[in-house]
């Protein structure tokens, strides 16, 4: 059995955790909305058509924000189509995903759903086919109290009080040639700068996310962020990052090392932001919004009937190795909690999601549900300094990969320290010695683990064998037993 030592300093906080790092995403795509969060006529639907069983699951995840309505969808979306009497709303061809959008669910329905799900909205504006005028009109519709055209229009739609949405995305993945209204960095930077200006003139209290490159693998990555930030730096608060990982070749060892690649991606974007800050002698610091991240590849080749309505689309069925990487990815985000303030697991229901539903039927929790739930509920407060001494290994794509990966957080209000740990090795145990250097009396009182599963084990509507268990008779006097190929949560209290 291998040994590892983790030294923790509880007073040295490396980053305060913004709760919005546990955000998620609902796009008008597949069954995320229709058949996901919204299904009138379902036995468990409430008076507004919202599935109460789905809301209960989302509350388990403790999600503070949900990005809406896209995604690729937003670049061709007219927000006006989704407000007002439902019977008057037009059906539109959604060119982003090749389906028909009925518009029976829109802005006001989503904001009402947010209240019931104990979350808030991260609203994206269309800077693909539309621009600054439509963006500022939407801010006025959502946030202005009354006495103007668009605020009074909202009131006429039965919503007297403003929604007061504080966080807004300036478009989506605009350097991707698949994007409706695809732009160069200069074209986007100018459009985003002007949209940001007038949006903040309507409501100076909002925060804005500048659209970064669609992924670190884009040829435009780096130059895109530099140019767009040069043009819009003074008017925005965050820059976005997007990244998905897959394992189509079945190389589990390299797959679980992808979090190292993600770490490098984050560091690179931080450097770009600070380069623009230094070059232009700015005082303001731009932080990061990693507002799309997940595993995504299982459903890439699934057929979809063109122009159908709310089809089964991008419905990945996740396995156990996916759960381990999702845990590693969220841990990586937390390691940069000083600069990564917002993140969105993409997505929340049915579409590459932790929750899967049946139309008219039940639901189940995917394997990735559990690491996200554990971190969202227990990793609150601050990330604290820790050093890890463990073995390393090489994969086909990576060298010097730590056998295990760990992160520690402290919740001062609860006087509690939590350690999260993944063992990447499929056939070797570890004993983890957690040494809290500057605080006496902390004892491990709970150990939650997911272990004993094969890489391709997963859950479905008929059986959910992959789930966390509580370790009995926990003691940290001789170290914590970390089983091979496992997810672990160890909580300490005094």
Protein backbone atom coordinates (compact mmCIF):
# COMPACT_ATOMS: atom_id res chain seq x y z
CA UNK A 1 0.00 0.00 0.00
CA UNK A 2 1.49 3.33 -1.09
CA UNK A 3 1.79 6.27 1.30
CA UNK A 4 1.08 9.96 0.71
CA UNK A 5 1.36 12.95 2.99
CA UNK A 6 -0.77 16.07 2.75
CA UNK A 7 0.33 19.07 4.82
CA UNK A 8 -2.36 21.69 5.39
CA UNK A 9 -2.16 25.25 6.74
CA UNK A 10 -5.66 26.34 7.71
CA UNK A 11 -4.80 30.02 8.27
CA UNK A 12 -3.20 30.46 4.84
CA UNK A 13 -6.17 30.94 2.55
CA UNK A 14 -5.15 30.81 -1.10
CA UNK A 15 -8.55 31.86 -2.41
CA UNK A 16 -11.99 32.75 -1.09
CA UNK A 17 -14.55 30.48 -2.75
CA UNK A 18 -17.22 32.40 -4.62
CA UNK A 19 -20.37 30.23 -4.38
CA UNK A 20 -21.01 30.94 -8.06
CA UNK A 21 -18.19 28.52 -8.90
CA UNK A 22 -20.87 25.85 -8.39
CA UNK A 23 -23.10 27.22 -11.15
CA UNK A 24 -24.70 25.26 -13.97
CA UNK A 25 -26.34 25.82 -17.34
CA UNK A 26 -29.74 25.43 -19.00
CA UNK A 27 -29.82 25.96 -22.77
CA UNK A 28 -32.74 25.66 -25.15
CA UNK A 29 -31.25 22.40 -26.43
CA UNK A 30 -32.67 18.90 -26.53
CA UNK A 31 -34.72 18.14 -23.42
CA UNK A 32 -32.95 20.52 -21.03
CA UNK A 33 -36.03 22.78 -20.89
CA UNK A 34 -38.90 20.84 -22.46
CA UNK A 35 -39.10 17.51 -20.64
CA UNK A 36 -36.33 18.56 -18.27
CA UNK A 37 -37.14 21.44 -15.96
CA UNK A 38 -40.47 22.20 -17.69
CA UNK A 39 -43.07 19.53 -18.43
CA UNK A 40 -46.70 20.60 -18.04
CA UNK A 41 -48.93 17.59 -17.54
CA UNK A 42 -46.26 15.54 -15.78
CA UNK A 43 -47.63 13.89 -12.60
CA UNK A 44 -45.07 15.85 -10.55
CA UNK A 45 -45.41 19.17 -12.38
CA UNK A 46 -46.56 22.17 -10.34
CA UNK A 47 -49.06 24.81 -11.38
CA UNK A 48 -46.45 26.43 -13.64
CA UNK A 49 -45.42 23.20 -15.35
CA UNK A 50 -42.11 22.89 -13.47
CA UNK A 51 -41.13 19.37 -12.48
CA UNK A 52 -40.93 19.33 -8.70
CA UNK A 53 -38.81 16.15 -8.65
CA UNK A 54 -36.20 17.90 -10.81
CA UNK A 55 -36.23 20.96 -8.55
CA UNK A 56 -35.63 18.69 -5.54
CA UNK A 57 -32.59 17.15 -7.25
CA UNK A 58 -31.19 20.56 -8.17
CA UNK A 59 -31.52 21.70 -4.57
CA UNK A 60 -29.33 18.74 -3.55
CA UNK A 61 -26.62 20.18 -5.80
CA UNK A 62 -26.92 23.61 -4.13
CA UNK A 63 -26.51 25.48 -7.44
CA UNK A 64 -26.34 29.28 -6.91
CA UNK A 65 -26.56 30.41 -10.56
CA UNK A 66 -27.77 28.93 -13.84
CA UNK A 67 -26.62 30.30 -17.19
CA UNK A 68 -29.47 30.80 -19.69
CA UNK A 69 -30.62 30.55 -22.56
CA UNK A 70 -27.37 29.46 -24.26
CA UNK A 71 -24.93 28.49 -25.54
CA UNK A 72 -25.03 28.29 -29.32
CA UNK A 73 -28.78 28.81 -29.16
CA UNK A 74 -28.48 32.40 -27.94
CA UNK A 75 -26.68 33.65 -31.08
CA UNK A 76 -29.87 33.25 -33.11
CA UNK A 77 -32.41 33.92 -30.35
CA UNK A 78 -34.87 36.82 -30.28
CA UNK A 79 -35.65 37.28 -26.60
CA UNK A 80 -38.91 39.02 -27.52
CA UNK A 81 -40.21 35.69 -28.89
CA UNK A 82 -40.19 34.23 -25.37
CA UNK A 83 -42.22 36.84 -23.49
CA UNK A 84 -45.88 37.83 -23.45
CA UNK A 85 -48.93 35.58 -23.93
CA UNK A 86 -47.77 32.06 -24.78
CA UNK A 87 -50.47 31.65 -27.44
CA UNK A 88 -49.00 34.59 -29.37
CA UNK A 89 -45.39 33.40 -29.34
CA UNK A 90 -43.93 32.25 -32.66
CA UNK A 91 -42.33 28.90 -33.41
CA UNK A 92 -38.83 29.39 -34.83
CA UNK A 93 -36.26 27.23 -36.57
CA UNK A 94 -33.27 26.97 -34.25
CA UNK A 95 -30.36 26.88 -36.67
CA UNK A 96 -27.82 26.20 -33.93
CA UNK A 97 -29.16 22.71 -33.18
CA UNK A 98 -31.39 21.98 -36.20
CA UNK A 99 -34.65 21.79 -34.26
CA UNK A 100 -37.87 23.78 -33.83
CA UNK A 101 -38.16 26.12 -30.86
CA UNK A 102 -41.79 26.56 -29.68
CA UNK A 103 -40.99 29.51 -27.35
CA UNK A 104 -43.58 28.34 -24.83
CA UNK A 105 -40.85 28.81 -22.20
CA UNK A 106 -38.92 32.08 -22.03
CA UNK A 107 -37.39 34.72 -19.81
CA UNK A 108 -40.16 35.18 -17.26
CA UNK A 109 -40.79 31.46 -16.94
CA UNK A 110 -37.10 30.85 -16.36
CA UNK A 111 -36.85 33.56 -13.70
CA UNK A 112 -39.90 32.14 -11.94
CA UNK A 113 -38.30 28.68 -12.06
CA UNK A 114 -35.07 30.10 -10.58
CA UNK A 115 -36.92 31.29 -7.50
CA UNK A 116 -38.48 27.88 -6.96
CA UNK A 117 -35.13 26.13 -7.45
CA UNK A 118 -33.33 28.49 -5.00
CA UNK A 119 -30.96 29.74 -7.68
CA UNK A 120 -30.38 32.88 -9.74
CA UNK A 121 -30.00 33.68 -13.41
CA UNK A 122 -26.81 34.27 -15.38
CA UNK A 123 -28.34 35.78 -18.53
CA UNK A 124 -26.67 35.61 -21.94
CA UNK A 125 -27.41 38.18 -24.66
CA UNK A 126 -27.36 37.59 -28.40
CA UNK A 127 -24.29 39.22 -29.95
CA UNK A 128 -24.42 36.95 -32.98
CA UNK A 129 -27.29 38.10 -35.19
CA UNK A 130 -28.18 40.95 -32.82
CA UNK A 131 -26.24 43.61 -30.95
CA UNK A 132 -26.06 46.39 -28.35
CA UNK A 133 -29.60 47.69 -28.89
CA UNK A 134 -31.33 44.38 -28.24
CA UNK A 135 -29.00 43.71 -25.30
CA UNK A 136 -29.76 46.98 -23.53
CA UNK A 137 -33.49 46.49 -24.23
CA UNK A 138 -33.35 43.13 -22.46
CA UNK A 139 -31.60 44.68 -19.45
CA UNK A 140 -34.33 47.34 -19.33
CA UNK A 141 -37.04 44.68 -19.59
CA UNK A 142 -35.52 42.60 -16.79
CA UNK A 143 -34.05 45.15 -14.39
CA UNK A 144 -35.74 48.55 -14.72
CA UNK A 145 -38.49 49.16 -12.18
CA UNK A 146 -41.01 50.82 -14.49
CA UNK A 147 -41.92 53.94 -16.43
CA UNK A 148 -40.13 52.99 -19.66
CA UNK A 149 -41.22 51.04 -22.71
CA UNK A 150 -39.56 47.72 -21.96
CA UNK A 151 -40.06 47.77 -18.18
CA UNK A 152 -43.73 48.58 -18.70
CA UNK A 153 -43.88 45.76 -21.25
CA UNK A 154 -42.67 43.37 -18.56
CA UNK A 155 -45.30 44.70 -16.17
CA UNK A 156 -47.97 44.17 -18.84
CA UNK A 157 -46.78 40.55 -19.01
CA UNK A 158 -47.72 40.08 -15.36
CA UNK A 159 -44.30 40.67 -13.75
CA UNK A 160 -44.57 43.81 -11.65
CA UNK A 161 -41.23 43.71 -9.84
CA UNK A 162 -37.96 43.75 -11.80
CA UNK A 163 -35.92 40.55 -11.97
CA UNK A 164 -32.70 42.36 -11.00
CA UNK A 165 -30.40 39.98 -12.86
CA UNK A 166 -26.84 40.85 -11.82
CA UNK A 167 -24.69 38.65 -14.07
CA UNK A 168 -24.73 38.83 -17.87
CA UNK A 169 -22.78 37.06 -20.65
CA UNK A 170 -21.83 39.07 -23.73
CA UNK A 171 -22.55 36.41 -26.34
CA UNK A 172 -21.20 32.89 -26.68
CA UNK A 173 -18.14 31.34 -28.37
CA UNK A 174 -18.01 34.03 -31.04
CA UNK A 175 -14.69 32.85 -32.50
CA UNK A 176 -16.25 29.53 -33.54
CA UNK A 177 -17.23 29.34 -37.20
CA UNK A 178 -20.18 27.16 -36.14
CA UNK A 179 -21.58 30.14 -34.27
CA UNK A 180 -24.42 32.13 -35.81
CA UNK A 181 -22.97 35.61 -36.38
CA UNK A 182 -19.36 34.38 -36.08
CA UNK A 183 -16.98 37.34 -35.68
CA UNK A 184 -13.32 38.21 -35.71
CA UNK A 185 -11.79 39.27 -32.41
CA UNK A 186 -11.93 42.92 -33.46
CA UNK A 187 -15.55 42.70 -34.61
CA UNK A 188 -16.56 40.98 -31.40
CA UNK A 189 -14.51 43.24 -29.14
CA UNK A 190 -16.11 46.37 -30.59
CA UNK A 191 -19.63 44.91 -30.42
CA UNK A 192 -19.13 43.65 -26.88
CA UNK A 193 -17.65 46.97 -25.76
CA UNK A 194 -20.62 48.94 -27.08
CA UNK A 195 -23.13 46.44 -25.70
CA UNK A 196 -21.44 46.53 -22.29
CA UNK A 197 -21.48 50.32 -22.29
CA UNK A 198 -25.20 50.71 -22.88
CA UNK A 199 -26.15 47.74 -20.71
CA UNK A 200 -24.35 49.33 -17.75
CA UNK A 201 -25.89 52.69 -18.57
CA UNK A 202 -29.30 51.04 -18.07
CA UNK A 203 -28.16 49.28 -14.87
CA UNK A 204 -24.75 50.24 -13.45
CA UNK A 205 -24.91 47.40 -10.90
CA UNK A 206 -24.65 44.51 -13.33
CA UNK A 207 -21.52 42.42 -13.93
CA UNK A 208 -20.48 41.40 -17.44
CA UNK A 209 -18.64 38.38 -18.83
CA UNK A 210 -16.59 38.91 -22.00
CA UNK A 211 -16.66 35.97 -24.38
CA UNK A 212 -13.31 34.19 -24.48
CA UNK A 213 -12.23 31.69 -27.10
CA UNK A 214 -14.46 28.64 -27.54
CA UNK A 215 -11.65 26.41 -26.22
CA UNK A 216 -7.88 26.29 -25.74
CA UNK A 217 -7.66 24.12 -28.89
CA UNK A 218 -8.92 26.91 -31.17
CA UNK A 219 -6.40 28.49 -33.52
CA UNK A 220 -7.68 31.85 -32.30
CA UNK A 221 -7.06 31.09 -28.62
CA UNK A 222 -4.82 33.64 -26.94
CA UNK A 223 -4.90 36.30 -29.62
CA UNK A 224 -8.71 36.39 -29.29
CA UNK A 225 -8.60 37.14 -25.57
CA UNK A 226 -5.85 39.73 -26.03
CA UNK A 227 -7.68 41.66 -28.75
CA UNK A 228 -11.13 41.47 -27.17
CA UNK A 229 -9.83 42.53 -23.77
CA UNK A 230 -7.88 45.43 -25.28
CA UNK A 231 -11.17 46.75 -26.67
CA UNK A 232 -13.49 46.06 -23.74
CA UNK A 233 -11.30 45.87 -20.60
CA UNK A 234 -12.77 48.88 -18.80
CA UNK A 235 -16.37 47.77 -19.34
CA UNK A 236 -16.28 44.08 -18.37
CA UNK A 237 -15.61 42.13 -15.19
CA UNK A 238 -14.82 38.57 -16.31
CA UNK A 239 -13.60 36.66 -19.33
CA UNK A 240 -15.11 33.27 -20.14
CA UNK A 241 -13.44 29.87 -20.63
CA UNK A 242 -15.04 26.73 -22.09
CA UNK A 243 -13.66 23.19 -22.10
CA UNK A 244 -15.04 19.68 -22.53
CA UNK A 245 -13.10 16.41 -22.36
CA UNK A 246 -13.78 12.95 -23.76
CA UNK A 247 -12.24 9.51 -23.85
CA UNK A 248 -13.22 7.99 -27.20
CA UNK A 249 -10.00 5.94 -27.36
CA UNK A 250 -10.57 4.34 -23.96
CA UNK A 251 -7.29 5.63 -22.49
CA UNK A 252 -8.39 5.99 -18.87
CA UNK A 253 -4.98 7.02 -17.55
CA UNK A 254 -4.66 9.97 -19.96
CA UNK A 255 -8.33 10.83 -19.51
CA UNK A 256 -7.90 11.30 -15.76
CA UNK A 257 -4.84 13.48 -16.37
CA UNK A 258 -6.88 16.02 -18.38
CA UNK A 259 -7.30 18.11 -15.25
CA UNK A 260 -3.60 19.02 -15.58
CA UNK A 261 -4.38 20.39 -19.04
CA UNK A 262 -7.28 22.35 -17.57
CA UNK A 263 -4.98 23.78 -14.91
CA UNK A 264 -2.59 25.02 -17.60
CA UNK A 265 -5.51 26.52 -19.54
CA UNK A 266 -6.60 28.55 -16.52
CA UNK A 267 -3.07 29.77 -15.81
CA UNK A 268 -2.68 30.88 -19.44
CA UNK A 269 -5.88 32.95 -19.44
CA UNK A 270 -4.91 34.56 -16.13
CA UNK A 271 -1.60 35.56 -17.72
CA UNK A 272 -3.41 37.07 -20.70
CA UNK A 273 -5.74 39.09 -18.48
CA UNK A 274 -2.81 40.39 -16.43
CA UNK A 275 -0.81 41.17 -19.58
CA UNK A 276 -3.57 43.50 -20.78
CA UNK A 277 -3.84 44.98 -17.29
CA UNK A 278 -0.12 45.70 -17.09
CA UNK A 279 0.31 46.91 -20.65
CA UNK A 280 -2.50 49.43 -20.29
CA UNK A 281 -1.71 50.37 -16.66
CA UNK A 282 -5.12 49.33 -15.37
CA UNK A 283 -5.98 49.02 -11.70
CA UNK A 284 -8.95 46.75 -12.18
CA UNK A 285 -8.36 43.01 -12.23
CA UNK A 286 -10.29 40.79 -14.65
CA UNK A 287 -11.37 37.48 -13.15
CA UNK A 288 -12.46 34.28 -14.85
CA UNK A 289 -15.84 32.73 -15.60
CA UNK A 290 -15.40 29.08 -16.61
CA UNK A 291 -19.00 28.98 -17.74
CA UNK A 292 -18.97 25.73 -19.73
CA UNK A 293 -17.14 22.63 -18.50
CA UNK A 294 -17.85 18.92 -18.38
CA UNK A 295 -17.19 15.54 -19.94
CA UNK A 296 -18.88 15.30 -23.35
CA UNK A 297 -18.40 12.66 -26.03
CA UNK A 298 -20.72 9.68 -25.46
CA UNK A 299 -23.62 11.13 -27.48
CA UNK A 300 -21.74 12.94 -30.24
CA UNK A 301 -22.92 10.64 -33.04
CA UNK A 302 -26.49 10.11 -31.91
CA UNK A 303 -28.94 10.97 -34.76
CA UNK A 304 -31.53 13.74 -34.36
CA UNK A 305 -34.57 14.26 -36.56
CA UNK A 306 -34.15 17.67 -38.20
CA UNK A 307 -36.66 20.34 -37.13
CA UNK A 308 -38.16 18.10 -34.46
CA UNK A 309 -39.19 19.65 -31.15
CA UNK A 310 -37.24 18.92 -27.94
CA UNK A 311 -35.65 15.68 -29.20
CA UNK A 312 -33.36 13.40 -27.23
CA UNK A 313 -30.16 15.28 -28.02
CA UNK A 314 -26.67 15.13 -26.47
CA UNK A 315 -27.85 12.83 -23.68
CA UNK A 316 -24.57 11.39 -22.43
CA UNK A 317 -24.91 8.44 -20.05
CA UNK A 318 -21.95 8.95 -17.75
CA UNK A 319 -19.75 6.26 -16.26
CA UNK A 320 -17.52 6.09 -13.19
CA UNK A 321 -14.33 7.40 -14.80
CA UNK A 322 -16.36 10.43 -15.94
CA UNK A 323 -17.32 11.05 -12.31
CA UNK A 324 -13.67 10.98 -11.27
CA UNK A 325 -12.69 13.50 -13.95
CA UNK A 326 -15.61 15.79 -13.09
CA UNK A 327 -14.39 15.78 -9.49
CA UNK A 328 -10.85 16.52 -10.64
CA UNK A 329 -12.03 19.35 -12.92
CA UNK A 330 -14.02 21.06 -10.18
CA UNK A 331 -11.10 20.64 -7.78
CA UNK A 332 -8.91 22.32 -10.42
CA UNK A 333 -11.31 25.26 -10.58
CA UNK A 334 -11.15 25.56 -6.81
CA UNK A 335 -7.35 25.59 -6.84
CA UNK A 336 -7.71 28.89 -8.70
CA UNK A 337 -10.49 30.26 -6.49
CA UNK A 338 -8.59 33.55 -6.19
CA UNK A 339 -9.33 34.24 -9.89
CA UNK A 340 -12.02 31.75 -11.00
CA UNK A 341 -15.12 33.27 -9.47
CA UNK A 342 -17.83 31.76 -11.69
CA UNK A 343 -18.17 28.34 -13.29
CA UNK A 344 -21.03 26.46 -14.92
CA UNK A 345 -21.27 22.70 -15.22
CA UNK A 346 -22.77 22.25 -18.68
CA UNK A 347 -25.50 21.32 -18.47
CA UNK A 348 -27.97 20.65 -15.65
CA UNK A 349 -30.75 18.32 -16.89
CA UNK A 350 -30.76 15.70 -19.69
CA UNK A 351 -28.25 17.42 -22.00
CA UNK A 352 -24.72 16.31 -20.92
CA UNK A 353 -26.10 16.57 -17.41
CA UNK A 354 -25.96 15.12 -13.88
CA UNK A 355 -29.75 14.62 -13.84
CA UNK A 356 -31.65 12.51 -16.40
CA UNK A 357 -35.43 12.43 -16.74
CA UNK A 358 -38.05 10.45 -18.64
CA UNK A 359 -40.88 12.35 -20.30
CA UNK A 360 -43.88 11.56 -18.13
CA UNK A 361 -41.76 9.35 -15.90
CA UNK A 362 -38.99 9.33 -13.35
CA UNK A 363 -35.38 10.41 -13.14
CA UNK A 364 -32.00 9.23 -11.95
CA UNK A 365 -28.76 10.73 -10.68
CA UNK A 366 -25.81 10.24 -13.01
CA UNK A 367 -22.37 9.27 -11.69
CA UNK A 368 -21.13 12.85 -12.09
CA UNK A 369 -23.92 14.08 -9.79
CA UNK A 370 -22.09 13.01 -6.64
CA UNK A 371 -18.65 14.67 -6.82
CA UNK A 372 -20.33 17.92 -7.83
CA UNK A 373 -22.83 17.63 -4.96
CA UNK A 374 -20.10 16.91 -2.42
CA UNK A 375 -17.91 19.83 -3.46
CA UNK A 376 -20.83 22.24 -3.75
CA UNK A 377 -22.07 21.40 -0.28
CA UNK A 378 -18.83 20.84 1.62
CA UNK A 379 -16.21 22.99 -0.15
CA UNK A 380 -17.49 26.33 1.09
CA UNK A 381 -15.46 29.14 2.62
CA UNK A 382 -11.85 29.25 1.39
CA UNK A 383 -9.31 27.02 -0.27
CA UNK A 384 -6.32 26.64 2.03
CA UNK A 385 -2.65 26.04 1.40
CA UNK A 386 -1.70 22.39 1.11
CA UNK A 387 1.26 20.41 -0.09
CA UNK A 388 0.99 16.82 -1.32
CA UNK A 389 3.78 14.27 -1.41
CA UNK A 390 2.78 11.20 -3.42
CA UNK A 391 3.96 8.98 -6.27
CA UNK A 392 3.72 9.93 -9.94
CA UNK A 393 3.18 8.07 -13.18
CA UNK A 394 3.28 8.64 -16.94
CA UNK A 395 0.48 8.09 -19.45
CA UNK A 396 0.43 8.01 -23.25
CA UNK A 397 -0.13 11.78 -23.30
CA UNK A 398 1.18 13.09 -19.97
CA UNK A 399 4.27 12.75 -17.79
CA UNK A 400 4.65 13.10 -14.02
CA UNK A 401 0.95 12.74 -13.26
CA UNK A 402 0.31 12.64 -9.49
CA UNK A 403 -1.15 9.28 -8.48
CA UNK A 404 -3.62 11.06 -6.26
CA UNK A 405 -4.93 14.62 -6.37
CA UNK A 406 -6.17 16.48 -3.30
CA UNK A 407 -7.51 19.85 -2.26
CA UNK A 408 -8.38 21.25 1.18
CA UNK A 409 -10.95 23.87 2.15
CA UNK A 410 -11.89 25.52 5.41
CA UNK A 411 -15.30 26.72 6.51
CA UNK A 412 -14.55 29.06 9.41
CA UNK A 413 -18.21 29.50 10.29
CA UNK A 414 -18.53 25.75 10.90
CA UNK A 415 -14.93 25.33 12.18
CA UNK A 416 -14.57 22.54 9.65
CA UNK A 417 -11.86 21.45 7.20
CA UNK A 418 -12.69 19.26 4.21
CA UNK A 419 -10.25 17.31 2.07
CA UNK A 420 -11.24 16.01 -1.37
CA UNK A 421 -9.14 13.29 -2.97
CA UNK A 422 -9.09 11.24 -6.20
CA UNK A 423 -6.91 8.17 -6.60
CA UNK A 424 -6.16 7.94 -10.34
CA UNK A 425 -4.55 4.50 -10.06
CA UNK A 426 -6.80 1.58 -10.95
CA UNK A 427 -5.01 -1.08 -8.92
CA UNK A 428 -3.12 0.49 -6.01
CA UNK A 429 -4.27 1.66 -2.58
CA UNK A 430 -2.90 4.69 -0.77
CA UNK A 431 -2.72 5.67 2.86
CA UNK A 432 -3.14 9.45 3.09
CA UNK A 433 -1.69 11.19 6.13
CA UNK A 434 -3.39 14.59 6.52
CA UNK A 435 -1.28 16.83 8.75
CA UNK A 436 -2.96 20.10 9.77
CA UNK A 437 0.10 22.10 10.74
CA UNK A 438 -1.32 25.19 12.43
CA UNK A 439 -4.46 24.02 14.17
CA UNK A 440 -4.78 21.48 16.93
CA UNK A 441 -7.69 19.24 17.76
CA UNK A 442 -9.07 18.58 14.28
CA UNK A 443 -10.22 14.98 13.91
CA UNK A 444 -11.70 13.20 10.93
CA UNK A 445 -15.38 12.57 11.61
CA UNK A 446 -16.67 11.57 8.17
CA UNK A 447 -15.27 9.79 5.13
CA UNK A 448 -17.45 9.52 2.03
CA UNK A 449 -16.11 7.41 -0.82
CA UNK A 450 -17.02 6.13 -4.26
CA UNK A 451 -14.83 3.09 -4.93
CA UNK A 452 -14.86 -0.46 -6.23
CA UNK A 453 -16.27 0.40 -9.65
CA UNK A 454 -14.93 -0.26 -13.12
CA UNK A 455 -14.32 2.67 -15.50
CA UNK A 456 -17.46 2.03 -17.55
CA UNK A 457 -19.87 1.36 -14.66
CA UNK A 458 -22.81 3.75 -14.66
CA UNK A 459 -26.39 4.41 -13.64
CA UNK A 460 -29.64 4.35 -15.62
CA UNK A 461 -33.40 4.50 -15.18
CA UNK A 462 -33.64 0.89 -13.98
CA UNK A 463 -30.60 0.69 -11.70
CA UNK A 464 -28.22 3.12 -9.98
CA UNK A 465 -25.40 1.01 -8.54
CA UNK A 466 -22.77 3.79 -8.65
CA UNK A 467 -23.23 5.95 -5.60
CA UNK A 468 -21.28 7.22 -2.58
CA UNK A 469 -20.99 5.31 0.67
CA UNK A 470 -19.97 6.31 4.18
CA UNK A 471 -16.87 4.60 5.54
CA UNK A 472 -17.55 2.99 8.91
CA UNK A 473 -15.29 3.36 11.94
CA UNK A 474 -13.23 6.18 10.46
CA UNK A 475 -9.94 7.00 12.15
CA UNK A 476 -7.13 9.22 10.90
CA UNK A 477 -4.56 8.23 13.52
CA UNK A 478 -2.75 6.00 11.04
CA UNK A 479 -3.84 7.78 7.89
CA UNK A 480 -6.91 7.66 5.66
CA UNK A 481 -7.31 4.62 3.44
CA UNK A 482 -7.74 5.79 -0.17
CA UNK A 483 -8.89 2.87 -2.29
CA UNK A 484 -7.78 2.40 -5.91
CA UNK A 485 -9.68 4.38 -8.56
CA UNK A 486 -11.79 6.30 -6.06
CA UNK A 487 -13.45 9.58 -5.10
CA UNK A 488 -13.09 10.61 -1.45
CA UNK A 489 -14.40 13.32 0.90
CA UNK A 490 -12.78 13.49 4.35
CA UNK A 491 -14.21 15.99 6.81
CA UNK A 492 -12.44 17.22 9.95
CA UNK A 493 -13.87 19.00 12.97
CA UNK A 494 -12.75 19.88 16.47
